[in-house]
Amino acid sequence: MLPMNTTLFLERLSQLVATPSVSCTTPALDMGNRPVVELLANWLEPMGFAIEIMPVGDNPNKVNLIATLGQGPGGLVFSGHTDTVPYDEYRWQQDPFSLNINNERAYGLGATDMKGFFPVALAAIETFLDTPRQWRQPLIILATADEESSMTGARELVKQGRPKARFAVVGEPTSMQPIRMHKGITMESIRVEGQAGHSSDPSLGNNAIDTIHDVIGDLKIFRQHLQQQHQHPGFNIAVPTLNLGCIHGGDNPNRICDHCELEFDIRPLPGMSLDDLRASVDQRITDIADKNQIAIKRTSIFPGVDAFEQPANSPLIQAVESLTGHTAQSVAFATEAPFLQSLGMDVVVMGPGSIDQAHQPDEFIALDQIEPAINVLRQLIQRFCL
Protein backbone atom coordinates (compact mmCIF):
# COMPACT_ATOMS: atom_id res chain seq x y z
CA MET A 1 0.00 0.00 0.00
CA LEU A 2 1.34 3.44 -0.93
CA PRO A 3 2.00 6.03 1.81
CA MET A 4 -0.72 8.69 2.10
CA ASN A 5 1.64 11.40 0.80
CA THR A 6 2.40 9.32 -2.29
CA THR A 7 -1.27 8.49 -2.90
CA LEU A 8 -2.29 12.15 -2.81
CA PHE A 9 0.73 13.02 -4.93
CA LEU A 10 -0.43 10.60 -7.61
CA GLU A 11 -4.01 11.89 -7.52
CA ARG A 12 -2.81 15.44 -8.12
CA LEU A 13 -0.18 14.48 -10.67
CA SER A 14 -2.80 12.50 -12.58
CA GLN A 15 -4.93 15.64 -12.93
CA LEU A 16 -1.94 17.74 -14.00
CA VAL A 17 -0.82 15.21 -16.61
CA ALA A 18 -4.39 14.95 -17.92
CA THR A 19 -4.39 18.72 -18.55
CA PRO A 20 -2.41 19.28 -21.79
CA SER A 21 -0.05 22.27 -21.80
CA VAL A 22 2.43 21.78 -24.64
CA SER A 23 4.45 24.86 -25.55
CA CYS A 24 6.20 24.90 -28.90
CA THR A 25 7.69 27.34 -31.39
CA THR A 26 5.52 25.64 -34.03
CA PRO A 27 2.13 27.39 -33.74
CA ALA A 28 0.15 24.30 -34.74
CA LEU A 29 1.51 22.41 -31.70
CA ASP A 30 1.45 25.26 -29.19
CA MET A 31 -1.11 25.28 -26.36
CA GLY A 32 -1.95 27.52 -23.44
CA ASN A 33 -1.18 26.71 -19.81
CA ARG A 34 -4.10 28.51 -18.14
CA PRO A 35 -6.01 25.28 -17.30
CA VAL A 36 -2.96 23.98 -15.38
CA VAL A 37 -2.56 27.27 -13.53
CA GLU A 38 -6.26 27.31 -12.62
CA LEU A 39 -6.00 23.74 -11.34
CA LEU A 40 -3.08 24.72 -9.09
CA ALA A 41 -4.92 27.83 -7.92
CA ASN A 42 -7.97 25.73 -6.99
CA TRP A 43 -5.77 23.60 -4.74
CA LEU A 44 -3.82 26.48 -3.21
CA GLU A 45 -6.59 28.96 -2.47
CA PRO A 46 -8.33 26.74 0.16
CA MET A 47 -4.94 26.42 1.88
CA GLY A 48 -4.94 30.17 2.48
CA PHE A 49 -2.80 31.31 -0.44
CA ALA A 50 -3.51 34.66 -2.06
CA ILE A 51 -3.83 33.96 -5.78
CA GLU A 52 -2.60 36.18 -8.60
CA ILE A 53 -2.82 35.10 -12.24
CA MET A 54 -0.44 37.18 -14.34
CA PRO A 55 -1.03 37.53 -18.11
CA VAL A 56 1.92 36.63 -20.34
CA GLY A 57 1.94 38.40 -23.69
CA ASP A 58 -1.20 38.82 -25.78
CA ASN A 59 -2.46 35.24 -25.54
CA PRO A 60 -5.12 34.99 -22.79
CA ASN A 61 -4.32 31.30 -22.37
CA LYS A 62 -0.68 32.01 -21.42
CA VAL A 63 -0.34 32.98 -17.75
CA ASN A 64 1.89 32.84 -14.68
CA LEU A 65 0.67 31.99 -11.19
CA ILE A 66 1.95 33.79 -8.08
CA ALA A 67 0.39 32.22 -4.98
CA THR A 68 1.46 33.68 -1.62
CA LEU A 69 0.96 32.39 1.93
CA GLY A 70 1.95 34.79 4.69
CA GLN A 71 3.25 38.34 4.50
CA GLY A 72 6.41 40.32 4.95
CA PRO A 73 9.68 40.99 3.18
CA GLY A 74 11.83 38.16 1.90
CA GLY A 75 10.40 34.68 1.83
CA LEU A 76 10.83 31.39 0.01
CA VAL A 77 9.71 30.56 -3.55
CA PHE A 78 8.97 27.09 -4.90
CA SER A 79 9.05 27.63 -8.67
CA GLY A 80 8.15 25.43 -11.61
CA HIS A 81 7.05 25.67 -15.21
CA THR A 82 3.63 24.36 -16.19
CA ASP A 83 4.32 23.54 -19.85
CA THR A 84 5.67 20.41 -21.48
CA VAL A 85 7.50 19.72 -24.71
CA PRO A 86 5.60 18.23 -27.69
CA TYR A 87 5.26 14.47 -27.91
CA ASP A 88 5.35 11.69 -30.52
CA GLU A 89 2.23 9.76 -29.58
CA TYR A 90 3.10 6.79 -31.79
CA ARG A 91 6.30 6.24 -29.77
CA TRP A 92 4.50 6.11 -26.43
CA GLN A 93 3.39 2.77 -24.99
CA GLN A 94 0.37 4.53 -23.42
CA ASP A 95 -1.72 7.69 -23.64
CA PRO A 96 0.71 10.53 -22.73
CA PHE A 97 -2.10 12.35 -20.90
CA SER A 98 -3.11 9.43 -18.69
CA LEU A 99 -0.93 8.72 -15.65
CA ASN A 100 0.11 5.07 -15.57
CA ILE A 101 1.75 3.43 -12.53
CA ASN A 102 4.08 0.53 -13.30
CA ASN A 103 7.17 -0.86 -11.55
CA GLU A 104 7.16 1.95 -8.96
CA ARG A 105 7.17 4.57 -11.69
CA ALA A 106 4.51 7.11 -12.68
CA TYR A 107 4.40 7.51 -16.48
CA GLY A 108 2.94 10.51 -18.27
CA LEU A 109 3.87 13.59 -20.28
CA GLY A 110 5.41 16.11 -17.89
CA ALA A 111 5.48 13.65 -14.97
CA THR A 112 9.11 14.46 -14.27
CA ASP A 113 9.64 17.68 -16.30
CA MET A 114 8.15 19.15 -14.34
CA LYS A 115 4.55 18.79 -13.25
CA GLY A 116 5.64 16.33 -10.56
CA PHE A 117 7.24 19.13 -8.54
CA PHE A 118 3.93 20.86 -7.77
CA PRO A 119 2.20 18.03 -5.83
CA VAL A 120 5.45 17.47 -3.93
CA ALA A 121 5.45 21.13 -2.88
CA LEU A 122 1.75 20.94 -1.92
CA ALA A 123 2.37 17.88 0.26
CA ALA A 124 5.22 19.68 2.03
CA ILE A 125 3.03 22.74 2.66
CA GLU A 126 0.10 20.74 4.06
CA THR A 127 2.26 19.64 6.98
CA PHE A 128 2.02 23.15 8.41
CA LEU A 129 -1.68 23.81 7.85
CA ASP A 130 -3.16 21.53 10.52
CA THR A 131 -2.20 23.78 13.44
CA PRO A 132 -1.92 27.58 13.58
CA ARG A 133 1.63 28.76 12.95
CA GLN A 134 3.36 32.08 12.69
CA TRP A 135 4.70 32.70 9.20
CA ARG A 136 7.85 34.72 9.75
CA GLN A 137 8.40 35.02 5.99
CA PRO A 138 5.97 34.32 3.12
CA LEU A 139 5.94 31.13 1.10
CA ILE A 140 5.32 31.64 -2.63
CA ILE A 141 4.33 29.06 -5.23
CA LEU A 142 5.35 30.26 -8.67
CA ALA A 143 4.11 28.54 -11.84
CA THR A 144 5.27 29.86 -15.20
CA ALA A 145 4.41 29.61 -18.89
CA ASP A 146 6.49 28.62 -21.91
CA GLU A 147 9.74 27.58 -20.25
CA GLU A 148 10.20 24.85 -22.84
CA SER A 149 9.90 27.18 -25.84
CA SER A 150 10.76 30.81 -25.11
CA MET A 151 10.92 31.52 -21.36
CA THR A 152 8.31 34.23 -21.89
CA GLY A 153 6.74 33.50 -18.51
CA ALA A 154 10.02 34.07 -16.68
CA ARG A 155 10.76 37.13 -18.83
CA GLU A 156 7.39 38.61 -17.84
CA LEU A 157 8.25 38.14 -14.17
CA VAL A 158 11.48 40.10 -14.66
CA LYS A 159 9.61 42.77 -16.59
CA GLN A 160 7.12 43.14 -13.72
CA GLY A 161 9.82 42.89 -11.05
CA ARG A 162 7.92 40.16 -9.20
CA PRO A 163 7.81 38.21 -7.04
CA LYS A 164 10.10 39.68 -4.41
CA ALA A 165 11.63 37.04 -2.17
CA ARG A 166 14.92 36.07 -0.58
CA PHE A 167 15.28 32.43 -1.65
CA ALA A 168 13.97 30.28 -4.52
CA VAL A 169 13.96 26.58 -5.36
CA VAL A 170 13.49 25.86 -9.07
CA GLY A 171 12.11 22.32 -9.03
CA GLU A 172 13.59 20.98 -12.26
CA PRO A 173 14.27 17.21 -12.17
CA THR A 174 17.72 16.73 -10.60
CA SER A 175 17.01 13.62 -8.48
CA MET A 176 17.10 16.10 -5.54
CA GLN A 177 20.76 16.83 -6.26
CA PRO A 178 21.27 20.57 -5.57
CA ILE A 179 22.42 22.50 -8.63
CA ARG A 180 24.00 25.94 -8.21
CA MET A 181 25.40 26.45 -11.72
CA HIS A 182 24.35 25.90 -15.28
CA LYS A 183 25.41 27.09 -18.70
CA GLY A 184 23.39 29.57 -20.71
CA ILE A 185 22.17 29.17 -24.26
CA THR A 186 21.63 31.29 -27.31
CA MET A 187 20.38 29.98 -30.66
CA GLU A 188 21.32 31.92 -33.78
CA SER A 189 20.67 31.85 -37.52
CA ILE A 190 23.03 33.10 -40.22
CA ARG A 191 21.51 33.57 -43.67
CA VAL A 192 23.53 34.24 -46.80
CA GLU A 193 21.77 35.84 -49.79
CA GLY A 194 23.74 35.14 -52.96
CA GLN A 195 22.96 35.32 -56.67
CA ALA A 196 21.53 32.43 -58.69
CA GLY A 197 22.87 31.50 -62.11
CA HIS A 198 23.72 28.63 -64.44
CA SER A 199 26.26 26.34 -62.82
CA SER A 200 28.27 26.10 -66.06
CA ASP A 201 29.58 29.64 -65.47
CA PRO A 202 30.33 30.59 -61.83
CA SER A 203 30.75 34.23 -62.82
CA LEU A 204 27.01 34.45 -63.49
CA GLY A 205 26.17 34.24 -59.75
CA ASN A 206 27.48 34.34 -56.22
CA ASN A 207 27.25 30.99 -54.49
CA ALA A 208 25.76 31.22 -50.99
CA ILE A 209 26.99 27.73 -50.09
CA ASP A 210 30.58 28.78 -50.79
CA THR A 211 30.14 31.65 -48.35
CA ILE A 212 28.44 29.48 -45.70
CA HIS A 213 31.50 27.26 -45.96
CA ASP A 214 33.62 30.26 -45.00
CA VAL A 215 31.21 31.13 -42.18
CA ILE A 216 31.40 27.58 -40.80
CA GLY A 217 35.17 27.62 -40.90
CA ASP A 218 35.27 30.93 -39.06
CA LEU A 219 32.76 29.78 -36.42
CA LYS A 220 34.95 26.75 -35.73
CA ILE A 221 37.90 29.10 -35.20
CA PHE A 222 35.70 31.25 -32.95
CA ARG A 223 34.72 28.15 -30.97
CA GLN A 224 38.35 27.27 -30.44
CA HIS A 225 39.07 30.82 -29.32
CA LEU A 226 36.19 30.77 -26.80
CA GLN A 227 37.36 27.48 -25.36
CA GLN A 228 40.91 28.73 -25.00
CA GLN A 229 39.75 31.90 -23.26
CA HIS A 230 37.02 30.50 -20.95
CA GLN A 231 37.12 27.48 -18.66
CA HIS A 232 35.19 26.61 -15.50
CA PRO A 233 36.30 23.56 -13.49
CA GLY A 234 32.86 23.27 -11.89
CA PHE A 235 31.36 21.86 -15.11
CA ASN A 236 31.79 18.37 -16.55
CA ILE A 237 32.32 20.04 -19.92
CA ALA A 238 34.50 22.85 -18.62
CA VAL A 239 34.40 25.04 -21.73
CA PRO A 240 31.68 26.88 -23.65
CA THR A 241 30.31 24.94 -26.61
CA LEU A 242 29.23 26.01 -30.09
CA ASN A 243 27.18 23.47 -32.04
CA LEU A 244 26.51 23.74 -35.78
CA GLY A 245 22.99 22.34 -35.68
CA CYS A 246 21.40 22.47 -39.12
CA ILE A 247 21.87 23.92 -42.59
CA HIS A 248 19.49 24.58 -45.50
CA GLY A 249 20.20 25.96 -48.94
CA GLY A 250 19.98 25.64 -52.68
CA ASP A 251 17.47 23.81 -54.81
CA ASN A 252 19.28 22.00 -57.65
CA PRO A 253 22.77 20.67 -58.44
CA ASN A 254 23.03 22.59 -61.72
CA ARG A 255 22.09 25.98 -60.30
CA ILE A 256 24.30 28.42 -58.39
CA CYS A 257 22.89 28.50 -54.87
CA ASP A 258 21.32 31.88 -54.14
CA HIS A 259 20.57 31.37 -50.44
CA CYS A 260 21.81 29.26 -47.56
CA GLU A 261 21.01 29.34 -43.83
CA LEU A 262 22.94 27.92 -40.91
CA GLU A 263 21.52 27.51 -37.40
CA PHE A 264 23.73 26.97 -34.36
CA ASP A 265 23.76 27.33 -30.61
CA ILE A 266 26.30 28.62 -28.11
CA ARG A 267 26.24 27.51 -24.46
CA PRO A 268 28.29 30.02 -22.48
CA LEU A 269 29.75 29.67 -19.01
CA PRO A 270 28.80 31.95 -16.10
CA GLY A 271 30.29 35.38 -16.60
CA MET A 272 30.02 35.31 -20.40
CA SER A 273 27.63 37.81 -22.00
CA LEU A 274 25.16 36.72 -24.68
CA ASP A 275 25.26 40.22 -26.20
CA ASP A 276 29.06 40.13 -26.41
CA LEU A 277 28.97 36.72 -28.10
CA ARG A 278 26.47 37.95 -30.69
CA ALA A 279 28.53 41.09 -31.32
CA SER A 280 31.62 38.96 -31.93
CA VAL A 281 29.75 36.77 -34.41
CA ASP A 282 28.40 39.86 -36.16
CA GLN A 283 31.87 41.29 -36.62
CA ARG A 284 33.21 38.04 -38.03
CA ILE A 285 30.39 37.61 -40.57
CA THR A 286 30.67 41.28 -41.60
CA ASP A 287 34.30 40.65 -42.53
CA ILE A 288 33.28 37.58 -44.57
CA ALA A 289 30.48 39.49 -46.29
CA ASP A 290 32.87 42.26 -47.30
CA LYS A 291 35.43 39.77 -48.57
CA ASN A 292 32.89 37.80 -50.64
CA GLN A 293 30.76 40.79 -51.71
CA ILE A 294 27.62 39.07 -50.50
CA ALA A 295 24.81 39.78 -48.03
CA ILE A 296 24.95 37.96 -44.67
CA LYS A 297 22.52 38.48 -41.79
CA ARG A 298 22.45 37.01 -38.28
CA THR A 299 19.21 36.75 -36.33
CA SER A 300 18.51 35.33 -32.88
CA ILE A 301 16.08 32.41 -32.94
CA PHE A 302 15.03 33.30 -29.37
CA PRO A 303 16.33 35.82 -26.82
CA GLY A 304 18.51 33.30 -25.04
CA VAL A 305 19.09 32.35 -21.40
CA ASP A 306 22.02 33.61 -19.38
CA ALA A 307 24.34 31.23 -17.58
CA PHE A 308 23.66 30.81 -13.86
CA GLU A 309 25.90 30.56 -10.82
CA GLN A 310 24.89 30.85 -7.17
CA PRO A 311 27.86 31.30 -4.80
CA ALA A 312 28.64 28.25 -2.69
CA ASN A 313 28.44 30.28 0.52
CA SER A 314 24.78 31.21 -0.04
CA PRO A 315 22.65 30.31 3.02
CA LEU A 316 20.29 28.49 0.66
CA ILE A 317 23.03 26.39 -0.92
CA GLN A 318 24.43 25.53 2.49
CA ALA A 319 20.96 24.57 3.70
CA VAL A 320 20.15 22.24 0.79
CA GLU A 321 23.58 20.64 0.95
CA SER A 322 23.00 19.91 4.62
CA LEU A 323 19.47 18.57 4.07
CA THR A 324 20.29 16.37 1.07
CA GLY A 325 23.81 15.31 2.00
CA HIS A 326 24.98 16.29 -1.50
CA THR A 327 27.39 19.03 -2.54
CA ALA A 328 25.79 21.38 -5.04
CA GLN A 329 26.87 20.64 -8.61
CA SER A 330 26.42 21.99 -12.15
CA VAL A 331 24.38 20.94 -15.19
CA ALA A 332 24.60 21.76 -18.88
CA PHE A 333 20.89 22.47 -19.48
CA ALA A 334 19.36 25.92 -18.94
CA THR A 335 16.56 26.80 -16.49
CA GLU A 336 14.60 29.80 -15.21
CA ALA A 337 17.10 30.23 -12.35
CA PRO A 338 18.94 33.27 -13.80
CA PHE A 339 15.64 35.14 -14.19
CA LEU A 340 14.77 34.65 -10.52
CA GLN A 341 18.33 35.49 -9.51
CA SER A 342 18.04 38.77 -11.42
CA LEU A 343 15.08 39.61 -9.16
CA GLY A 344 17.41 39.48 -6.15
CA MET A 345 16.92 35.90 -4.96
CA ASP A 346 19.41 33.25 -3.95
CA VAL A 347 18.45 30.32 -6.19
CA VAL A 348 19.02 26.59 -6.24
CA VAL A 349 17.79 24.17 -8.93
CA MET A 350 16.56 20.99 -7.26
CA GLY A 351 13.60 18.69 -7.70
CA PRO A 352 12.44 15.06 -7.89
CA GLY A 353 12.79 13.03 -11.06
CA SER A 354 15.70 12.70 -13.43
CA ILE A 355 16.49 14.83 -16.46
CA ASP A 356 17.37 11.55 -18.18
CA GLN A 357 13.64 10.78 -18.44
CA ALA A 358 12.65 14.24 -19.73
CA HIS A 359 11.75 15.11 -23.35
CA GLN A 360 11.28 11.53 -24.48
CA PRO A 361 8.54 8.91 -24.93
CA ASP A 362 7.29 7.13 -21.81
CA GLU A 363 8.51 9.88 -19.51
CA PHE A 364 8.28 8.84 -15.85
CA ILE A 365 9.05 9.86 -12.30
CA ALA A 366 10.29 7.24 -9.83
CA LEU A 367 7.98 6.97 -6.83
CA ASP A 368 10.83 6.38 -4.37
CA GLN A 369 11.87 10.02 -4.88
CA ILE A 370 8.58 11.49 -3.68
CA GLU A 371 8.80 11.14 0.11
CA PRO A 372 12.46 12.31 0.31
CA ALA A 373 11.60 15.35 -1.84
CA ILE A 374 8.62 16.23 0.36
CA ASN A 375 10.81 15.98 3.46
CA VAL A 376 13.47 18.32 2.05
CA LEU A 377 10.92 20.96 0.99
CA ARG A 378 9.20 20.66 4.36
CA GLN A 379 12.46 21.39 6.17
CA LEU A 380 13.18 24.36 3.90
CA ILE A 381 9.77 25.84 4.81
CA GLN A 382 10.54 25.29 8.49
CA ARG A 383 13.94 26.94 8.19
CA PHE A 384 13.13 29.95 6.00
CA CYS A 385 9.45 30.74 6.61
CA LEU A 386 8.41 29.76 10.15
Foldseek 3Di string as FASTA:
>chain_A
DDPPLLVQLVVLLLVLLLDAQADAPPVVQHDAQQVNLVSLCVLQVVLPWDWDWADFPDDNRFTKIKTKDDDDAAEEEEEAESHAHDADCVPAPDAQSGWDDDPQWTWHTCCVRPSSFSSLLVSLVVVQRPDDDHWPHMYIYIYHHDQVYACRRLVVCLVVLDDGHAAYEYAHAPQQAKAFWEWKKWKKKKKWFKFKDFQVDVVNIQAAVVLVVVLVVVVVVVQVVQQVVFFDVQDPRGTKDKAFDDKDWDDDPRMRIRMMMTMMMITHGPPDDPVVVVVVSVVVSVVSCVVRVTDMDMDTPHPITHIGGADCPPPVQVLSCVLVVHHHGYDHDDGSVVSVVVSVYRYIYGHFAHPVQGPHHRRITRNVSSVSRSVSSSVVCVVGTD
